[in-house]
Amino acid sequence: MKENQGSRRAIGRMVAQAPTAPPQPPLAQPGGRDRFRSYLGKVGSGEHTSSGLSREEAADALELMLNGEASPAQIGAFLIAHRIRRPEPQELTGMLDVYRRQGPQLRSSCRALCFGIPFDGRSRTAPLYPLTALVLASAGIPVVLQGGRRMPVKYGVTAMELFTALGLQLSGRSLTWVQEGLDRWNLALVHQPDHFPAAEVLIPIREDIGKRPPLASLELLWTPHHGDHLLVSGFVHPPTETRAWLALQLAGETEVLTIKGLEGSTDLPISRACVTGRPSASGDGRLILHPRDHGCYGDDPRWHDLDTWASQALAALGGQGPLATALIWNAGTYLWQAGHSDSQAAGLERCRELLQTGATLGHLHTMGQNHR
């Protein structure tokens, strides 16, 4: 209770203090490597002498990393020092500003549902989010996802691999093609190697340091979608969730849903109650979702290999097999949270209808025919 009250007070202060517009990028200055050294000194000076960066400084630091002005040694030192000290909300917001400026941009004609999922993939539990996305797309909701190649530290299965296993050839496509797919099929997957190559330059350094840097937190908060949307972000620890709320509020993200999901993802578990949050000026919007109350309780499906998952996934899209219950729980809950069902129970029933009538499988088949 005390933690929730503290979160509500923090959200209230955050709303009152948040700027009405994002700051302009800093003016270019000479000596990028020297400038980066000053930022490294601020975050890496020790427990008592280190200090946080301003929003503008954090943005400048990330730009220096992406454009190659900071050396690999500086970048590695910065990432590990920042991880140890933990990023502050305004620092994450500054980095988010850079991704919004330099990264790919998509738009939809109506409100989208955008998922922030771990770029380093899944290695223990079977991913549900590609199937959830297909259900939502078949219901007429634009869905935006992003991902990359297998990435440290987990090197788990990627979104691109999962969609390919379902027969959707999404790699090597232009951003224009991705936008057309969002317009026509309500589904977009932004692939970092194809659409944001500047961010790829940091992967070898992330491999070398062997730990998740604050950039991994940024990837959970960023969406390439610009315009009206609900941003869904996974978290593991409550302090991470609160920091994400503050950073997103500073960035002007007013519609956010946080999920204590499987392996830090946006997949809702069925083996336990799921903690969620919808922060606003009035509080954290905390909801505890109980799968047992809706007949969806069971073991969370385990990850085996891509072939096994593909077989189970296609069965689930028809309402059958070991992934079906978890898919209904996830897609039905998101139909409700996205405002397309009046209640969670109604969302679950709508999901069952889409699966049992073959609407979602038909949507996948039609997309597959047009993606060859």
Protein backbone atom coordinates (compact mmCIF):
# COMPACT_ATOMS: atom_id res chain seq x y z
CA MET A 1 0.00 0.00 0.00
CA LYS A 2 2.80 2.42 0.91
CA GLU A 3 4.52 1.72 -2.41
CA ASN A 4 1.29 2.40 -4.34
CA GLN A 5 0.71 5.64 -2.43
CA GLY A 6 4.27 6.68 -3.18
CA SER A 7 3.78 5.87 -6.85
CA ARG A 8 0.61 7.96 -6.98
CA ARG A 9 2.37 10.91 -5.36
CA ALA A 10 5.27 10.55 -7.81
CA ILE A 11 2.89 10.45 -10.76
CA GLY A 12 1.09 13.55 -9.50
CA ARG A 13 4.35 15.47 -9.15
CA MET A 14 5.48 14.21 -12.53
CA VAL A 15 2.35 15.49 -14.28
CA ALA A 16 2.63 18.87 -12.58
CA GLN A 17 6.29 19.28 -13.47
CA ALA A 18 6.41 17.71 -16.95
CA PRO A 19 7.31 20.11 -19.76
CA THR A 20 4.65 20.85 -22.30
CA ALA A 21 6.96 20.25 -25.26
CA PRO A 22 10.18 18.26 -25.76
CA PRO A 23 13.37 20.32 -25.78
CA GLN A 24 15.16 21.09 -29.02
CA PRO A 25 18.29 19.03 -29.76
CA PRO A 26 21.49 20.68 -28.53
CA LEU A 27 23.53 22.74 -30.98
CA ALA A 28 26.44 20.89 -32.52
CA GLN A 29 29.67 21.54 -30.70
CA PRO A 30 33.29 20.67 -31.52
CA GLY A 31 35.14 17.97 -29.64
CA GLY A 32 32.50 15.24 -29.44
CA ARG A 33 34.88 12.78 -27.79
CA ASP A 34 35.89 15.33 -25.15
CA ARG A 35 32.23 16.18 -24.57
CA PHE A 36 31.41 12.51 -24.15
CA ARG A 37 34.25 12.17 -21.65
CA SER A 38 32.55 14.77 -19.47
CA TYR A 39 29.31 12.75 -19.54
CA LEU A 40 31.22 9.61 -18.66
CA GLY A 41 32.75 11.44 -15.71
CA LYS A 42 29.31 12.38 -14.43
CA VAL A 43 27.88 8.86 -14.47
CA GLY A 44 31.04 6.93 -13.55
CA SER A 45 32.64 8.84 -10.69
CA GLY A 46 31.50 6.62 -7.85
CA GLU A 47 28.62 6.26 -5.46
CA HIS A 48 29.00 9.63 -3.76
CA THR A 49 30.31 11.83 -6.56
CA SER A 50 28.50 10.61 -9.68
CA SER A 51 25.59 12.68 -10.93
CA GLY A 52 22.81 12.31 -13.41
CA LEU A 53 22.73 13.81 -16.86
CA SER A 54 20.13 16.30 -17.93
CA ARG A 55 17.67 15.32 -20.62
CA GLU A 56 19.67 17.30 -23.19
CA GLU A 57 23.00 15.80 -22.05
CA ALA A 58 21.65 12.25 -22.22
CA ALA A 59 20.34 12.91 -25.73
CA ASP A 60 23.71 14.31 -26.79
CA ALA A 61 25.54 11.34 -25.26
CA LEU A 62 23.43 8.85 -27.20
CA GLU A 63 23.84 10.79 -30.44
CA LEU A 64 27.61 10.75 -29.94
CA MET A 65 27.42 6.97 -29.53
CA LEU A 66 25.23 6.45 -32.59
CA ASN A 67 27.23 8.70 -34.92
CA GLY A 68 30.61 7.25 -33.94
CA GLU A 69 32.10 10.33 -32.27
CA ALA A 70 32.48 8.47 -28.97
CA SER A 71 35.13 5.74 -29.01
CA PRO A 72 34.23 2.07 -28.38
CA ALA A 73 36.13 2.21 -25.09
CA GLN A 74 34.15 5.28 -24.01
CA ILE A 75 30.84 3.71 -25.03
CA GLY A 76 31.53 0.48 -23.17
CA ALA A 77 32.57 2.36 -20.05
CA PHE A 78 29.51 4.59 -20.23
CA LEU A 79 27.07 1.71 -20.69
CA ILE A 80 28.40 -0.34 -17.80
CA ALA A 81 28.73 2.69 -15.48
CA HIS A 82 25.21 3.78 -16.37
CA ARG A 83 23.93 0.28 -15.64
CA ILE A 84 25.59 0.20 -12.23
CA ARG A 85 24.31 3.64 -11.23
CA ARG A 86 20.90 3.06 -12.87
CA PRO A 87 19.49 5.55 -15.39
CA GLU A 88 17.37 8.42 -14.13
CA PRO A 89 13.99 9.16 -15.75
CA GLN A 90 15.13 12.33 -17.55
CA GLU A 91 18.12 10.44 -18.95
CA LEU A 92 15.87 7.79 -20.47
CA THR A 93 13.65 10.56 -21.85
CA GLY A 94 16.63 12.24 -23.49
CA MET A 95 17.63 8.96 -25.11
CA LEU A 96 14.03 8.43 -26.20
CA ASP A 97 14.13 11.85 -27.87
CA VAL A 98 17.02 10.62 -30.03
CA TYR A 99 15.27 7.42 -31.05
CA ARG A 100 12.19 9.41 -31.97
CA ARG A 101 14.24 11.80 -34.13
CA GLN A 102 16.60 9.33 -35.78
CA GLY A 103 14.55 6.15 -35.80
CA PRO A 104 11.89 5.02 -38.29
CA GLN A 105 8.44 6.52 -38.04
CA LEU A 106 5.04 4.96 -38.73
CA ARG A 107 1.50 6.32 -38.53
CA SER A 108 -1.97 4.78 -38.50
CA SER A 109 -5.39 6.12 -39.38
CA CYS A 110 -6.80 5.12 -35.99
CA ARG A 111 -5.49 4.43 -32.51
CA ALA A 112 -2.75 1.81 -32.50
CA LEU A 113 -1.53 -0.66 -29.90
CA CYS A 114 2.27 -0.56 -29.62
CA PHE A 115 4.26 -3.23 -27.81
CA GLY A 116 7.67 -2.66 -26.24
CA ILE A 117 9.23 -6.11 -26.09
CA PRO A 118 12.75 -7.25 -25.10
CA PHE A 119 15.11 -7.10 -28.06
CA ASP A 120 17.15 -9.98 -26.64
CA GLY A 121 14.19 -12.30 -27.10
CA ARG A 122 12.75 -15.18 -25.13
CA SER A 123 14.51 -18.33 -23.96
CA ARG A 124 12.29 -20.01 -21.33
CA THR A 125 8.61 -19.39 -22.06
CA ALA A 126 6.79 -19.66 -25.39
CA PRO A 127 6.21 -16.17 -26.90
CA LEU A 128 2.57 -15.21 -27.30
CA TYR A 129 2.88 -11.64 -28.57
CA PRO A 130 3.02 -12.50 -32.31
CA LEU A 131 -0.23 -14.43 -31.94
CA THR A 132 -1.78 -11.70 -29.81
CA ALA A 133 -0.81 -9.17 -32.48
CA LEU A 134 -2.51 -11.27 -35.18
CA VAL A 135 -5.71 -11.55 -33.16
CA LEU A 136 -5.79 -7.80 -32.56
CA ALA A 137 -5.02 -7.09 -36.22
CA SER A 138 -7.85 -9.37 -37.31
CA ALA A 139 -10.14 -7.39 -35.00
CA GLY A 140 -9.23 -4.17 -36.83
CA ILE A 141 -6.68 -2.76 -34.36
CA PRO A 142 -3.39 -1.44 -35.78
CA VAL A 143 -0.49 -3.17 -34.01
CA VAL A 144 3.14 -1.98 -34.09
CA LEU A 145 6.05 -4.15 -32.94
CA GLN A 146 9.81 -3.78 -33.16
CA GLY A 147 12.78 -6.08 -32.81
CA GLY A 148 16.16 -7.07 -34.17
CA ARG A 149 18.57 -9.96 -34.58
CA ARG A 150 19.38 -12.30 -31.69
CA MET A 151 20.94 -9.98 -29.19
CA PRO A 152 22.90 -10.15 -25.94
CA VAL A 153 22.55 -11.07 -23.20
CA LYS A 154 19.85 -13.68 -23.66
CA TYR A 155 20.11 -14.28 -27.41
CA GLY A 156 16.51 -15.48 -27.33
CA VAL A 157 14.25 -16.15 -30.29
CA THR A 158 13.31 -12.97 -32.13
CA ALA A 159 10.06 -11.51 -33.38
CA MET A 160 11.27 -11.83 -36.98
CA GLU A 161 11.99 -15.55 -36.56
CA LEU A 162 8.56 -16.14 -35.03
CA PHE A 163 6.66 -14.37 -37.80
CA THR A 164 8.76 -16.14 -40.43
CA ALA A 165 7.80 -19.47 -38.85
CA LEU A 166 4.16 -18.48 -39.36
CA GLY A 167 4.77 -17.84 -43.06
CA LEU A 168 5.15 -14.05 -43.01
CA GLN A 169 8.24 -12.80 -44.82
CA LEU A 170 8.88 -9.49 -43.08
CA SER A 171 12.66 -9.15 -43.25
CA GLY A 172 14.47 -7.08 -45.87
CA ARG A 173 11.44 -4.86 -46.44
CA SER A 174 11.49 -1.11 -46.86
CA LEU A 175 9.86 1.15 -44.31
CA THR A 176 7.37 2.18 -47.00
CA TRP A 177 6.38 -1.48 -47.36
CA VAL A 178 5.99 -1.77 -43.58
CA GLN A 179 3.75 1.32 -43.53
CA GLU A 180 1.61 -0.11 -46.33
CA GLY A 181 1.26 -3.35 -44.38
CA LEU A 182 0.11 -1.42 -41.33
CA ASP A 183 -2.45 0.44 -43.44
CA ARG A 184 -3.73 -2.70 -45.15
CA TRP A 185 -3.31 -5.49 -42.60
CA ASN A 186 -3.11 -3.61 -39.26
CA LEU A 187 0.30 -5.12 -38.49
CA ALA A 188 3.81 -3.67 -38.64
CA LEU A 189 7.15 -5.04 -37.49
CA VAL A 190 10.01 -2.55 -37.52
CA HIS A 191 13.25 -4.52 -37.84
CA GLN A 192 16.28 -2.71 -36.49
CA PRO A 193 18.81 -4.06 -39.06
CA ASP A 194 16.53 -2.95 -41.89
CA HIS A 195 15.08 0.26 -40.52
CA PHE A 196 17.39 1.65 -37.82
CA PRO A 197 20.96 0.68 -38.77
CA ALA A 198 22.47 3.43 -36.60
CA ALA A 199 21.39 1.50 -33.49
CA GLU A 200 23.09 -1.64 -34.82
CA VAL A 201 26.56 -0.15 -34.26
CA LEU A 202 26.18 -0.59 -30.50
CA ILE A 203 25.48 -4.34 -30.57
CA PRO A 204 29.15 -5.50 -30.64
CA ILE A 205 29.84 -3.35 -27.60
CA ARG A 206 26.78 -4.76 -25.84
CA GLU A 207 28.13 -8.24 -26.57
CA ASP A 208 31.51 -7.32 -25.13
CA ILE A 209 30.19 -5.93 -21.84
CA GLY A 210 27.91 -8.97 -21.35
CA LYS A 211 25.24 -7.10 -19.38
CA ARG A 212 22.01 -5.37 -20.32
CA PRO A 213 22.77 -1.64 -20.59
CA PRO A 214 20.22 1.14 -20.03
CA LEU A 215 19.62 1.02 -23.79
CA ALA A 216 17.67 -2.18 -23.11
CA SER A 217 15.29 -0.15 -20.92
CA LEU A 218 15.01 2.41 -23.71
CA GLU A 219 13.97 -0.31 -26.17
CA LEU A 220 11.02 -1.19 -23.93
CA LEU A 221 9.83 2.43 -23.91
CA TRP A 222 10.31 3.39 -27.56
CA THR A 223 7.81 2.88 -30.34
CA PRO A 224 8.30 3.90 -33.98
CA HIS A 225 4.59 4.78 -34.11
CA HIS A 226 3.82 8.52 -34.09
CA GLY A 227 0.28 9.58 -33.30
CA ASP A 228 -2.52 8.25 -31.13
CA HIS A 229 -1.62 4.94 -29.49
CA LEU A 230 -1.55 2.88 -26.33
CA LEU A 231 2.04 1.95 -25.48
CA VAL A 232 2.43 -1.39 -23.69
CA SER A 233 5.72 -1.99 -21.88
CA GLY A 234 6.89 -4.97 -19.84
CA PHE A 235 8.82 -4.79 -16.58
CA VAL A 236 10.33 -7.10 -13.99
CA HIS A 237 11.00 -4.98 -10.89
CA PRO A 238 8.70 -2.23 -9.46
CA PRO A 239 11.45 0.45 -9.44
CA THR A 240 11.92 -0.16 -13.16
CA GLU A 241 8.21 0.36 -13.72
CA THR A 242 8.12 3.64 -11.79
CA ARG A 243 11.18 4.93 -13.65
CA ALA A 244 9.50 4.04 -16.95
CA TRP A 245 6.32 5.93 -15.96
CA LEU A 246 8.31 9.05 -15.13
CA ALA A 247 10.42 8.90 -18.30
CA LEU A 248 7.39 8.37 -20.54
CA GLN A 249 5.43 11.15 -18.90
CA LEU A 250 8.30 13.56 -19.49
CA ALA A 251 8.28 12.39 -23.11
CA GLY A 252 4.59 13.19 -23.48
CA GLU A 253 3.35 9.59 -23.57
CA THR A 254 -0.05 9.91 -21.90
CA GLU A 255 -1.45 6.44 -22.67
CA VAL A 256 0.78 3.77 -21.14
CA LEU A 257 0.09 0.25 -19.90
CA THR A 258 2.83 -1.54 -17.95
CA ILE A 259 2.81 -5.31 -17.53
CA LYS A 260 4.73 -7.56 -15.15
CA GLY A 261 4.91 -10.12 -17.90
CA LEU A 262 6.78 -13.28 -18.77
CA GLU A 263 10.56 -12.71 -18.87
CA GLY A 264 10.01 -8.95 -18.78
CA SER A 265 7.81 -9.06 -21.87
CA THR A 266 4.26 -7.87 -22.49
CA ASP A 267 2.92 -11.46 -22.40
CA LEU A 268 0.54 -11.94 -19.48
CA PRO A 269 1.16 -15.11 -17.44
CA ILE A 270 -1.59 -17.64 -16.75
CA SER A 271 0.23 -19.33 -13.85
CA ARG A 272 -0.19 -16.35 -11.51
CA ALA A 273 -1.95 -13.06 -11.09
CA CYS A 274 -0.55 -10.32 -13.30
CA VAL A 275 0.31 -6.84 -12.03
CA THR A 276 -0.50 -4.00 -14.45
CA GLY A 277 -0.49 -0.21 -14.30
CA ARG A 278 -2.13 2.65 -16.23
CA PRO A 279 -0.46 5.78 -14.78
CA SER A 280 -2.29 9.09 -14.83
CA ALA A 281 -2.53 12.30 -12.84
CA SER A 282 -4.81 10.53 -10.37
CA GLY A 283 -2.52 7.58 -9.63
CA ASP A 284 -0.85 4.46 -10.94
CA GLY A 285 -4.03 2.80 -12.26
CA ARG A 286 -2.97 -0.45 -10.66
CA LEU A 287 -4.90 -3.56 -11.68
CA ILE A 288 -4.26 -7.14 -10.61
CA LEU A 289 -5.54 -9.53 -13.26
CA HIS A 290 -6.45 -13.04 -12.09
CA PRO A 291 -6.60 -15.70 -14.83
CA ARG A 292 -8.28 -18.13 -12.43
CA ASP A 293 -11.32 -15.83 -12.25
CA HIS A 294 -11.90 -16.29 -15.98
CA GLY A 295 -11.11 -19.97 -16.43
CA CYS A 296 -7.68 -19.27 -17.94
CA TYR A 297 -5.43 -20.54 -15.15
CA GLY A 298 -2.68 -23.04 -15.97
CA ASP A 299 1.01 -23.55 -16.54
CA ASP A 300 2.75 -20.95 -18.65
CA PRO A 301 3.71 -22.66 -21.93
CA ARG A 302 7.39 -23.49 -22.20
CA TRP A 303 9.74 -22.73 -25.07
CA HIS A 304 11.20 -25.78 -26.82
CA ASP A 305 12.25 -24.86 -30.35
CA LEU A 306 11.00 -22.90 -33.34
CA ASP A 307 9.38 -25.85 -35.13
CA THR A 308 7.44 -26.89 -32.03
CA TRP A 309 6.32 -23.33 -31.43
CA ALA A 310 5.15 -22.89 -35.03
CA SER A 311 2.98 -26.01 -34.85
CA GLN A 312 1.50 -24.99 -31.50
CA ALA A 313 1.01 -21.39 -32.65
CA LEU A 314 -1.03 -22.35 -35.72
CA ALA A 315 -3.17 -24.62 -33.57
CA ALA A 316 -3.72 -21.81 -31.06
CA LEU A 317 -4.86 -19.45 -33.82
CA GLY A 318 -7.64 -21.97 -34.36
CA GLY A 319 -8.44 -22.12 -30.65
CA GLN A 320 -6.66 -25.44 -30.06
CA GLY A 321 -3.52 -26.83 -28.45
CA PRO A 322 -1.28 -25.92 -25.50
CA LEU A 323 -0.99 -22.20 -26.36
CA ALA A 324 -4.71 -21.57 -26.82
CA THR A 325 -5.61 -20.71 -23.21
CA ALA A 326 -2.69 -18.32 -22.83
CA LEU A 327 -3.51 -16.69 -26.18
CA ILE A 328 -7.15 -16.14 -25.22
CA TRP A 329 -6.08 -14.61 -21.91
CA ASN A 330 -3.62 -12.28 -23.60
CA ALA A 331 -5.51 -11.21 -26.70
CA GLY A 332 -8.81 -10.92 -24.85
CA THR A 333 -7.26 -8.75 -22.14
CA TYR A 334 -5.64 -6.46 -24.72
CA LEU A 335 -8.92 -6.13 -26.65
CA TRP A 336 -10.39 -4.83 -23.40
CA GLN A 337 -7.46 -2.56 -22.52
CA ALA A 338 -7.46 -1.11 -26.05
CA GLY A 339 -11.08 -0.11 -25.57
CA HIS A 340 -12.56 -2.57 -28.08
CA SER A 341 -14.48 -4.51 -25.42
CA ASP A 342 -16.52 -3.20 -22.50
CA SER A 343 -15.02 -5.64 -20.00
CA GLN A 344 -12.27 -8.20 -19.70
CA ALA A 345 -14.82 -11.00 -19.91
CA ALA A 346 -16.22 -9.51 -23.12
CA GLY A 347 -12.70 -9.24 -24.54
CA LEU A 348 -12.01 -12.90 -23.81
CA GLU A 349 -15.27 -13.91 -25.47
CA ARG A 350 -14.47 -11.76 -28.51
CA CYS A 351 -11.07 -13.45 -28.79
CA ARG A 352 -12.66 -16.92 -28.64
CA GLU A 353 -15.02 -15.88 -31.43
CA LEU A 354 -12.16 -14.66 -33.65
CA LEU A 355 -10.29 -17.93 -33.15
CA GLN A 356 -13.22 -20.31 -33.46
CA THR A 357 -14.66 -18.70 -36.59
CA GLY A 358 -11.28 -18.79 -38.33
CA ALA A 359 -11.12 -15.00 -38.65
CA THR A 360 -7.56 -14.74 -37.33
CA LEU A 361 -6.26 -17.72 -39.28
CA GLY A 362 -7.88 -16.26 -42.39
CA HIS A 363 -6.19 -12.93 -41.73
CA LEU A 364 -2.81 -14.68 -41.39
CA HIS A 365 -3.39 -16.69 -44.59
CA THR A 366 -4.31 -13.59 -46.59
CA MET A 367 -1.26 -11.72 -45.29
CA GLY A 368 0.97 -14.69 -46.13
CA GLN A 369 -0.31 -14.84 -49.69
CA ASN A 370 0.53 -11.16 -50.17
CA HIS A 371 3.94 -11.28 -48.44
CA ARG A 372 5.57 -13.70 -50.87
